[in-house]
Amino acid sequence: MERKKSIDHELRATWQAVAKVYNEQAVKHDSTMSTAFVLLNIDKQNGTPSTALGPLMGMEPTSLSRILKTMEDKGAICREKNPDDGRSILIKLTDYGIEMRKISKAYVIQFNETIRENVSDKDLTGFFKVTSTINKLIADKHIYGTVSNKV
């Protein structure tokens, strides 16, 4: 299969381009795309249990722990005991974290608005349908779960 015609290549190349453009903006604020992603996934009023953040974002606990440590060191988040469950910790945004979240959200909105201005509704609907189908096929193990011994 030609690399340019490979679905996984196009997904990977596009995601790398998106990550690059987000990181170029994040660095202007002494941040990273990963940090911005975490900021956007923390409930700004009540905080989010640390154990819920990883699955919510599809991140491995080790990677998330490093990001959270950096964010805490920079004063963007704080950790508090969960009043509803003494065994868990809530990740909460500080005032600085709330401001950084607003900046991150503005970049995401600008990105999405620019794409929507340049891609038709029909094409976007098709894009979302394709990505949803890919995710379902993977989740249901229909890609490699049924591969025969012909490979």
N, C-alpha and C. Protein backbone atom coordinates (compact mmCIF):
# COMPACT_ATOMS: atom_id res chain seq x y z
N MET A 1 0.85 -1.19 0.00
CA MET A 1 0.00 0.00 0.00
C MET A 1 0.89 1.24 0.00
N GLU A 2 0.57 2.19 -0.84
CA GLU A 2 1.29 3.44 -0.91
C GLU A 2 1.12 4.21 0.39
N ARG A 3 2.21 4.78 0.91
CA ARG A 3 2.14 5.49 2.19
C ARG A 3 1.11 6.61 2.16
N LYS A 4 1.04 7.37 1.10
CA LYS A 4 0.09 8.48 1.00
C LYS A 4 -1.36 8.00 1.00
N LYS A 5 -1.59 6.75 0.62
CA LYS A 5 -2.95 6.21 0.56
C LYS A 5 -3.31 5.46 1.85
N SER A 6 -2.38 5.34 2.75
CA SER A 6 -2.60 4.60 3.99
C SER A 6 -3.40 5.46 4.98
N ILE A 7 -4.50 4.94 5.46
CA ILE A 7 -5.36 5.67 6.39
C ILE A 7 -4.60 6.01 7.67
N ASP A 8 -3.88 5.03 8.20
CA ASP A 8 -3.16 5.29 9.44
C ASP A 8 -2.07 6.34 9.25
N HIS A 9 -1.42 6.36 8.09
CA HIS A 9 -0.40 7.38 7.82
C HIS A 9 -1.04 8.77 7.81
N GLU A 10 -2.18 8.90 7.14
CA GLU A 10 -2.84 10.21 7.08
C GLU A 10 -3.30 10.67 8.46
N LEU A 11 -3.82 9.76 9.25
CA LEU A 11 -4.23 10.11 10.62
C LEU A 11 -3.03 10.57 11.44
N ARG A 12 -1.96 9.80 11.38
CA ARG A 12 -0.76 10.11 12.16
C ARG A 12 -0.15 11.44 11.71
N ALA A 13 0.00 11.63 10.40
CA ALA A 13 0.61 12.86 9.88
C ALA A 13 -0.24 14.08 10.24
N THR A 14 -1.55 13.93 10.15
CA THR A 14 -2.44 15.05 10.49
C THR A 14 -2.36 15.35 11.97
N TRP A 15 -2.39 14.31 12.81
CA TRP A 15 -2.31 14.55 14.25
C TRP A 15 -0.98 15.20 14.61
N GLN A 16 0.10 14.79 13.98
CA GLN A 16 1.40 15.41 14.27
C GLN A 16 1.40 16.89 13.88
N ALA A 17 0.75 17.22 12.77
CA ALA A 17 0.65 18.62 12.35
C ALA A 17 -0.19 19.43 13.34
N VAL A 18 -1.29 18.84 13.80
CA VAL A 18 -2.14 19.51 14.79
C VAL A 18 -1.36 19.71 16.09
N ALA A 19 -0.69 18.68 16.56
CA ALA A 19 0.10 18.78 17.79
C ALA A 19 1.18 19.86 17.65
N LYS A 20 1.82 19.91 16.50
CA LYS A 20 2.87 20.91 16.27
C LYS A 20 2.30 22.32 16.35
N VAL A 21 1.18 22.56 15.70
CA VAL A 21 0.61 23.91 15.71
C VAL A 21 0.14 24.29 17.12
N TYR A 22 -0.44 23.35 17.86
CA TYR A 22 -0.84 23.64 19.24
C TYR A 22 0.38 23.89 20.12
N ASN A 23 1.42 23.08 19.97
CA ASN A 23 2.63 23.27 20.78
C ASN A 23 3.32 24.60 20.47
N GLU A 24 3.27 25.03 19.21
CA GLU A 24 3.84 26.33 18.86
C GLU A 24 3.13 27.46 19.59
N GLN A 25 1.83 27.33 19.79
CA GLN A 25 1.08 28.34 20.53
C GLN A 25 1.32 28.20 22.04
N ALA A 26 1.34 26.97 22.52
CA ALA A 26 1.50 26.72 23.96
C ALA A 26 2.85 27.24 24.48
N VAL A 27 3.89 27.09 23.67
CA VAL A 27 5.22 27.51 24.11
C VAL A 27 5.28 29.03 24.36
N LYS A 28 4.41 29.77 23.69
CA LYS A 28 4.33 31.21 23.92
C LYS A 28 3.87 31.53 25.34
N HIS A 29 3.25 30.55 25.98
CA HIS A 29 2.72 30.71 27.34
C HIS A 29 3.45 29.80 28.33
N ASP A 30 4.67 29.39 27.95
CA ASP A 30 5.48 28.49 28.78
C ASP A 30 4.70 27.23 29.14
N SER A 31 4.08 26.64 28.13
CA SER A 31 3.25 25.47 28.34
C SER A 31 3.45 24.48 27.20
N THR A 32 2.65 23.42 27.22
CA THR A 32 2.66 22.42 26.16
C THR A 32 1.22 22.07 25.81
N MET A 33 1.06 21.42 24.67
CA MET A 33 -0.26 20.98 24.27
C MET A 33 -0.83 19.99 25.29
N SER A 34 0.01 19.12 25.81
CA SER A 34 -0.45 18.13 26.79
C SER A 34 -0.98 18.81 28.05
N THR A 35 -0.29 19.83 28.50
CA THR A 35 -0.73 20.57 29.67
C THR A 35 -2.08 21.24 29.40
N ALA A 36 -2.20 21.85 28.22
CA ALA A 36 -3.46 22.50 27.85
C ALA A 36 -4.60 21.49 27.80
N PHE A 37 -4.32 20.31 27.28
CA PHE A 37 -5.32 19.25 27.20
C PHE A 37 -5.80 18.87 28.60
N VAL A 38 -4.88 18.77 29.54
CA VAL A 38 -5.25 18.45 30.92
C VAL A 38 -6.10 19.58 31.51
N LEU A 39 -5.66 20.82 31.30
CA LEU A 39 -6.42 21.96 31.82
C LEU A 39 -7.87 21.94 31.35
N LEU A 40 -8.06 21.59 30.08
CA LEU A 40 -9.40 21.58 29.50
C LEU A 40 -10.26 20.42 29.98
N ASN A 41 -9.63 19.42 30.57
CA ASN A 41 -10.37 18.25 31.04
C ASN A 41 -10.62 18.23 32.54
N ILE A 42 -10.13 19.24 33.24
CA ILE A 42 -10.39 19.35 34.68
C ILE A 42 -11.64 20.19 34.87
N ASP A 43 -12.58 19.68 35.64
CA ASP A 43 -13.80 20.42 35.94
C ASP A 43 -13.40 21.70 36.69
N LYS A 44 -13.71 22.85 36.10
CA LYS A 44 -13.21 24.11 36.67
C LYS A 44 -13.90 24.50 37.98
N GLN A 45 -15.09 23.98 38.26
CA GLN A 45 -15.75 24.29 39.52
C GLN A 45 -15.39 23.30 40.63
N ASN A 46 -15.50 22.01 40.33
CA ASN A 46 -15.39 20.99 41.37
C ASN A 46 -14.08 20.21 41.36
N GLY A 47 -13.27 20.40 40.33
CA GLY A 47 -12.08 19.58 40.20
C GLY A 47 -12.46 18.22 39.63
N THR A 48 -11.45 17.42 39.38
CA THR A 48 -11.67 16.10 38.80
C THR A 48 -10.81 15.09 39.57
N PRO A 49 -11.39 13.93 39.92
CA PRO A 49 -10.58 12.92 40.60
C PRO A 49 -9.38 12.54 39.72
N SER A 50 -8.23 12.43 40.33
CA SER A 50 -7.01 12.12 39.57
C SER A 50 -7.15 10.80 38.82
N THR A 51 -7.87 9.86 39.40
CA THR A 51 -8.03 8.55 38.76
C THR A 51 -8.93 8.62 37.52
N ALA A 52 -9.75 9.66 37.42
CA ALA A 52 -10.64 9.80 36.27
C ALA A 52 -9.98 10.53 35.10
N LEU A 53 -8.92 11.30 35.38
CA LEU A 53 -8.30 12.10 34.32
C LEU A 53 -7.66 11.26 33.22
N GLY A 54 -6.90 10.26 33.60
CA GLY A 54 -6.21 9.42 32.60
C GLY A 54 -7.18 8.80 31.61
N PRO A 55 -8.17 8.04 32.08
CA PRO A 55 -9.13 7.45 31.16
C PRO A 55 -9.91 8.49 30.35
N LEU A 56 -10.22 9.62 30.97
CA LEU A 56 -10.95 10.69 30.29
C LEU A 56 -10.18 11.19 29.07
N MET A 57 -8.86 11.21 29.19
CA MET A 57 -8.03 11.75 28.11
C MET A 57 -7.30 10.69 27.31
N GLY A 58 -7.46 9.43 27.69
CA GLY A 58 -6.77 8.37 26.99
C GLY A 58 -5.27 8.39 27.22
N MET A 59 -4.85 8.80 28.41
CA MET A 59 -3.42 8.88 28.74
C MET A 59 -3.03 7.79 29.73
N GLU A 60 -1.79 7.37 29.61
CA GLU A 60 -1.24 6.42 30.57
C GLU A 60 -0.97 7.15 31.89
N PRO A 61 -1.16 6.45 33.02
CA PRO A 61 -0.95 7.09 34.33
C PRO A 61 0.44 7.70 34.50
N THR A 62 1.48 7.05 33.99
CA THR A 62 2.84 7.57 34.16
C THR A 62 3.00 8.91 33.46
N SER A 63 2.52 9.01 32.23
CA SER A 63 2.61 10.27 31.49
C SER A 63 1.82 11.35 32.18
N LEU A 64 0.61 11.01 32.61
CA LEU A 64 -0.24 11.98 33.29
C LEU A 64 0.40 12.46 34.59
N SER A 65 1.00 11.55 35.35
CA SER A 65 1.64 11.92 36.62
C SER A 65 2.73 12.96 36.40
N ARG A 66 3.53 12.79 35.35
CA ARG A 66 4.60 13.77 35.05
C ARG A 66 4.01 15.13 34.72
N ILE A 67 2.96 15.12 33.90
CA ILE A 67 2.33 16.39 33.50
C ILE A 67 1.73 17.07 34.73
N LEU A 68 1.03 16.31 35.57
CA LEU A 68 0.41 16.89 36.76
C LEU A 68 1.46 17.46 37.71
N LYS A 69 2.59 16.78 37.85
CA LYS A 69 3.67 17.27 38.71
C LYS A 69 4.18 18.61 38.20
N THR A 70 4.40 18.70 36.89
CA THR A 70 4.86 19.95 36.28
C THR A 70 3.83 21.06 36.48
N MET A 71 2.56 20.72 36.27
CA MET A 71 1.50 21.72 36.44
C MET A 71 1.41 22.20 37.88
N GLU A 72 1.59 21.29 38.81
CA GLU A 72 1.55 21.66 40.23
C GLU A 72 2.75 22.56 40.56
N ASP A 73 3.92 22.22 40.04
CA ASP A 73 5.12 23.03 40.27
C ASP A 73 4.96 24.45 39.72
N LYS A 74 4.23 24.57 38.60
CA LYS A 74 4.01 25.89 37.99
C LYS A 74 2.84 26.64 38.61
N GLY A 75 2.11 25.98 39.52
CA GLY A 75 1.01 26.63 40.21
C GLY A 75 -0.30 26.65 39.44
N ALA A 76 -0.45 25.76 38.45
CA ALA A 76 -1.69 25.72 37.67
C ALA A 76 -2.76 24.85 38.32
N ILE A 77 -2.33 23.88 39.12
CA ILE A 77 -3.27 22.98 39.80
C ILE A 77 -2.86 22.79 41.25
N CYS A 78 -3.79 22.29 42.03
CA CYS A 78 -3.49 21.84 43.38
C CYS A 78 -4.23 20.53 43.59
N ARG A 79 -3.78 19.78 44.55
CA ARG A 79 -4.41 18.50 44.86
C ARG A 79 -5.09 18.61 46.23
N GLU A 80 -6.33 18.12 46.28
CA GLU A 80 -7.09 18.13 47.53
C GLU A 80 -7.73 16.77 47.74
N LYS A 81 -7.91 16.43 49.01
CA LYS A 81 -8.62 15.19 49.31
C LYS A 81 -10.05 15.32 48.80
N ASN A 82 -10.56 14.23 48.26
CA ASN A 82 -11.94 14.21 47.77
C ASN A 82 -12.86 14.08 48.98
N PRO A 83 -13.74 15.07 49.21
CA PRO A 83 -14.63 14.99 50.37
C PRO A 83 -15.63 13.84 50.28
N ASP A 84 -15.91 13.37 49.06
CA ASP A 84 -16.86 12.28 48.87
C ASP A 84 -16.20 10.91 48.97
N ASP A 85 -14.87 10.87 48.85
CA ASP A 85 -14.14 9.59 48.88
C ASP A 85 -12.75 9.87 49.41
N GLY A 86 -12.54 9.60 50.67
CA GLY A 86 -11.28 9.89 51.34
C GLY A 86 -10.07 9.21 50.72
N ARG A 87 -10.32 8.19 49.88
CA ARG A 87 -9.20 7.48 49.27
C ARG A 87 -8.68 8.16 48.01
N SER A 88 -9.47 9.08 47.45
CA SER A 88 -9.05 9.69 46.19
C SER A 88 -8.69 11.17 46.35
N ILE A 89 -7.99 11.65 45.36
CA ILE A 89 -7.53 13.04 45.33
C ILE A 89 -8.23 13.76 44.18
N LEU A 90 -8.66 15.00 44.45
CA LEU A 90 -9.22 15.84 43.40
C LEU A 90 -8.12 16.75 42.85
N ILE A 91 -8.08 16.86 41.54
CA ILE A 91 -7.18 17.81 40.90
C ILE A 91 -8.01 19.06 40.64
N LYS A 92 -7.57 20.17 41.20
CA LYS A 92 -8.32 21.43 41.06
C LYS A 92 -7.44 22.48 40.39
N LEU A 93 -8.10 23.36 39.64
CA LEU A 93 -7.40 24.46 39.00
C LEU A 93 -7.21 25.59 40.00
N THR A 94 -6.03 26.18 39.97
CA THR A 94 -5.78 27.39 40.75
C THR A 94 -6.25 28.58 39.91
N ASP A 95 -6.15 29.78 40.45
CA ASP A 95 -6.51 30.96 39.67
C ASP A 95 -5.65 31.03 38.40
N TYR A 96 -4.37 30.73 38.55
CA TYR A 96 -3.47 30.72 37.39
C TYR A 96 -3.91 29.63 36.40
N GLY A 97 -4.28 28.47 36.90
CA GLY A 97 -4.75 27.38 36.04
C GLY A 97 -6.01 27.75 35.29
N ILE A 98 -6.90 28.47 35.93
CA ILE A 98 -8.13 28.92 35.28
C ILE A 98 -7.80 29.88 34.14
N GLU A 99 -6.85 30.78 34.37
CA GLU A 99 -6.44 31.71 33.31
C GLU A 99 -5.79 30.96 32.15
N MET A 100 -4.95 29.99 32.47
CA MET A 100 -4.29 29.19 31.41
C MET A 100 -5.34 28.36 30.65
N ARG A 101 -6.36 27.90 31.35
CA ARG A 101 -7.44 27.14 30.71
C ARG A 101 -8.18 28.03 29.71
N LYS A 102 -8.44 29.28 30.09
CA LYS A 102 -9.12 30.21 29.18
C LYS A 102 -8.30 30.41 27.91
N ILE A 103 -6.99 30.56 28.06
CA ILE A 103 -6.10 30.74 26.90
C ILE A 103 -6.14 29.49 26.03
N SER A 104 -6.04 28.32 26.65
CA SER A 104 -6.07 27.06 25.90
C SER A 104 -7.38 26.90 25.15
N LYS A 105 -8.47 27.21 25.83
CA LYS A 105 -9.79 27.08 25.21
C LYS A 105 -9.91 28.00 24.01
N ALA A 106 -9.37 29.21 24.11
CA ALA A 106 -9.44 30.16 23.00
C ALA A 106 -8.70 29.60 21.78
N TYR A 107 -7.56 28.96 21.98
CA TYR A 107 -6.82 28.37 20.85
C TYR A 107 -7.60 27.21 20.22
N VAL A 108 -8.24 26.40 21.05
CA VAL A 108 -9.03 25.28 20.52
C VAL A 108 -10.22 25.82 19.72
N ILE A 109 -10.88 26.84 20.24
CA ILE A 109 -12.01 27.43 19.53
C ILE A 109 -11.54 28.02 18.20
N GLN A 110 -10.42 28.75 18.21
CA GLN A 110 -9.91 29.34 16.98
C GLN A 110 -9.57 28.26 15.96
N PHE A 111 -8.92 27.20 16.41
CA PHE A 111 -8.57 26.08 15.51
C PHE A 111 -9.84 25.51 14.87
N ASN A 112 -10.83 25.20 15.70
CA ASN A 112 -12.07 24.60 15.20
C ASN A 112 -12.83 25.54 14.28
N GLU A 113 -12.89 26.82 14.61
CA GLU A 113 -13.59 27.79 13.76
C GLU A 113 -12.90 27.89 12.39
N THR A 114 -11.57 27.90 12.39
CA THR A 114 -10.83 27.99 11.13
C THR A 114 -11.09 26.77 10.27
N ILE A 115 -11.08 25.58 10.87
CA ILE A 115 -11.36 24.36 10.11
C ILE A 115 -12.78 24.42 9.56
N ARG A 116 -13.75 24.80 10.39
CA ARG A 116 -15.15 24.85 9.96
C ARG A 116 -15.37 25.88 8.84
N GLU A 117 -14.58 26.95 8.83
CA GLU A 117 -14.69 27.95 7.76
C GLU A 117 -14.14 27.42 6.43
N ASN A 118 -13.28 26.40 6.51
CA ASN A 118 -12.60 25.92 5.31
C ASN A 118 -13.00 24.52 4.87
N VAL A 119 -13.85 23.88 5.64
CA VAL A 119 -14.30 22.52 5.32
C VAL A 119 -15.82 22.53 5.38
N SER A 120 -16.44 21.94 4.38
CA SER A 120 -17.91 21.94 4.33
C SER A 120 -18.50 21.09 5.47
N ASP A 121 -19.74 21.40 5.82
CA ASP A 121 -20.45 20.62 6.84
C ASP A 121 -20.53 19.16 6.42
N LYS A 122 -20.77 18.93 5.14
CA LYS A 122 -20.87 17.56 4.63
C LYS A 122 -19.56 16.81 4.83
N ASP A 123 -18.43 17.47 4.50
CA ASP A 123 -17.13 16.82 4.67
C ASP A 123 -16.82 16.58 6.15
N LEU A 124 -17.17 17.54 7.01
CA LEU A 124 -16.94 17.36 8.44
C LEU A 124 -17.78 16.22 8.99
N THR A 125 -19.03 16.12 8.54
CA THR A 125 -19.88 15.02 8.97
C THR A 125 -19.26 13.70 8.56
N GLY A 126 -18.75 13.63 7.33
CA GLY A 126 -18.08 12.42 6.85
C GLY A 126 -16.83 12.11 7.66
N PHE A 127 -16.06 13.15 7.99
CA PHE A 127 -14.84 12.98 8.80
C PHE A 127 -15.19 12.38 10.16
N PHE A 128 -16.20 12.95 10.82
CA PHE A 128 -16.59 12.45 12.13
C PHE A 128 -17.16 11.03 12.04
N LYS A 129 -17.85 10.74 10.98
CA LYS A 129 -18.39 9.39 10.80
C LYS A 129 -17.24 8.39 10.62
N VAL A 130 -16.25 8.75 9.82
CA VAL A 130 -15.10 7.86 9.60
C VAL A 130 -14.32 7.64 10.89
N THR A 131 -14.01 8.73 11.62
CA THR A 131 -13.23 8.55 12.86
C THR A 131 -14.02 7.76 13.89
N SER A 132 -15.33 7.97 13.95
CA SER A 132 -16.16 7.20 14.86
C SER A 132 -16.14 5.71 14.50
N THR A 133 -16.22 5.42 13.22
CA THR A 133 -16.19 4.03 12.76
C THR A 133 -14.85 3.39 13.09
N ILE A 134 -13.76 4.11 12.85
CA ILE A 134 -12.42 3.58 13.16
C ILE A 134 -12.33 3.26 14.65
N ASN A 135 -12.78 4.19 15.49
CA ASN A 135 -12.72 3.97 16.94
C ASN A 135 -13.57 2.78 17.36
N LYS A 136 -14.73 2.64 16.76
CA LYS A 136 -15.60 1.50 17.10
C LYS A 136 -14.96 0.18 16.65
N LEU A 137 -14.42 0.15 15.45
CA LEU A 137 -13.76 -1.07 14.97
C LEU A 137 -12.61 -1.48 15.88
N ILE A 138 -11.86 -0.50 16.34
CA ILE A 138 -10.75 -0.78 17.25
C ILE A 138 -11.27 -1.27 18.60
N ALA A 139 -12.24 -0.55 19.16
CA ALA A 139 -12.80 -0.91 20.47
C ALA A 139 -13.42 -2.30 20.45
N ASP A 140 -14.08 -2.63 19.35
CA ASP A 140 -14.73 -3.94 19.23
C ASP A 140 -13.79 -5.04 18.76
N LYS A 141 -12.51 -4.69 18.61
CA LYS A 141 -11.47 -5.64 18.19
C LYS A 141 -11.78 -6.29 16.84
N HIS A 142 -12.33 -5.48 15.93
CA HIS A 142 -12.67 -5.99 14.60
C HIS A 142 -11.54 -5.81 13.59
N ILE A 143 -10.43 -5.21 14.02
CA ILE A 143 -9.34 -5.01 13.07
C ILE A 143 -8.33 -6.14 13.17
N TYR A 144 -7.79 -6.36 14.35
CA TYR A 144 -6.80 -7.42 14.50
C TYR A 144 -7.34 -8.62 15.27
N GLY A 145 -8.48 -8.47 15.89
CA GLY A 145 -9.07 -9.57 16.62
C GLY A 145 -9.52 -10.72 15.71
N THR A 146 -9.71 -10.41 14.43
CA THR A 146 -10.21 -11.43 13.50
C THR A 146 -9.23 -11.70 12.34
N VAL A 147 -7.97 -11.26 12.53
CA VAL A 147 -6.98 -11.48 11.47
C VAL A 147 -6.68 -12.95 11.35
N SER A 148 -6.66 -13.44 10.12
CA SER A 148 -6.37 -14.86 9.90
C SER A 148 -4.87 -15.10 9.89
N ASN A 149 -4.47 -16.32 9.75
CA ASN A 149 -3.06 -16.68 9.72
C ASN A 149 -2.41 -16.43 8.36
N LYS A 150 -3.10 -15.78 7.47
CA LYS A 150 -2.57 -15.49 6.13
C LYS A 150 -1.49 -14.42 6.15
N VAL A 151 -1.39 -13.67 7.22
CA VAL A 151 -0.46 -12.55 7.26
C VAL A 151 0.97 -12.98 7.21
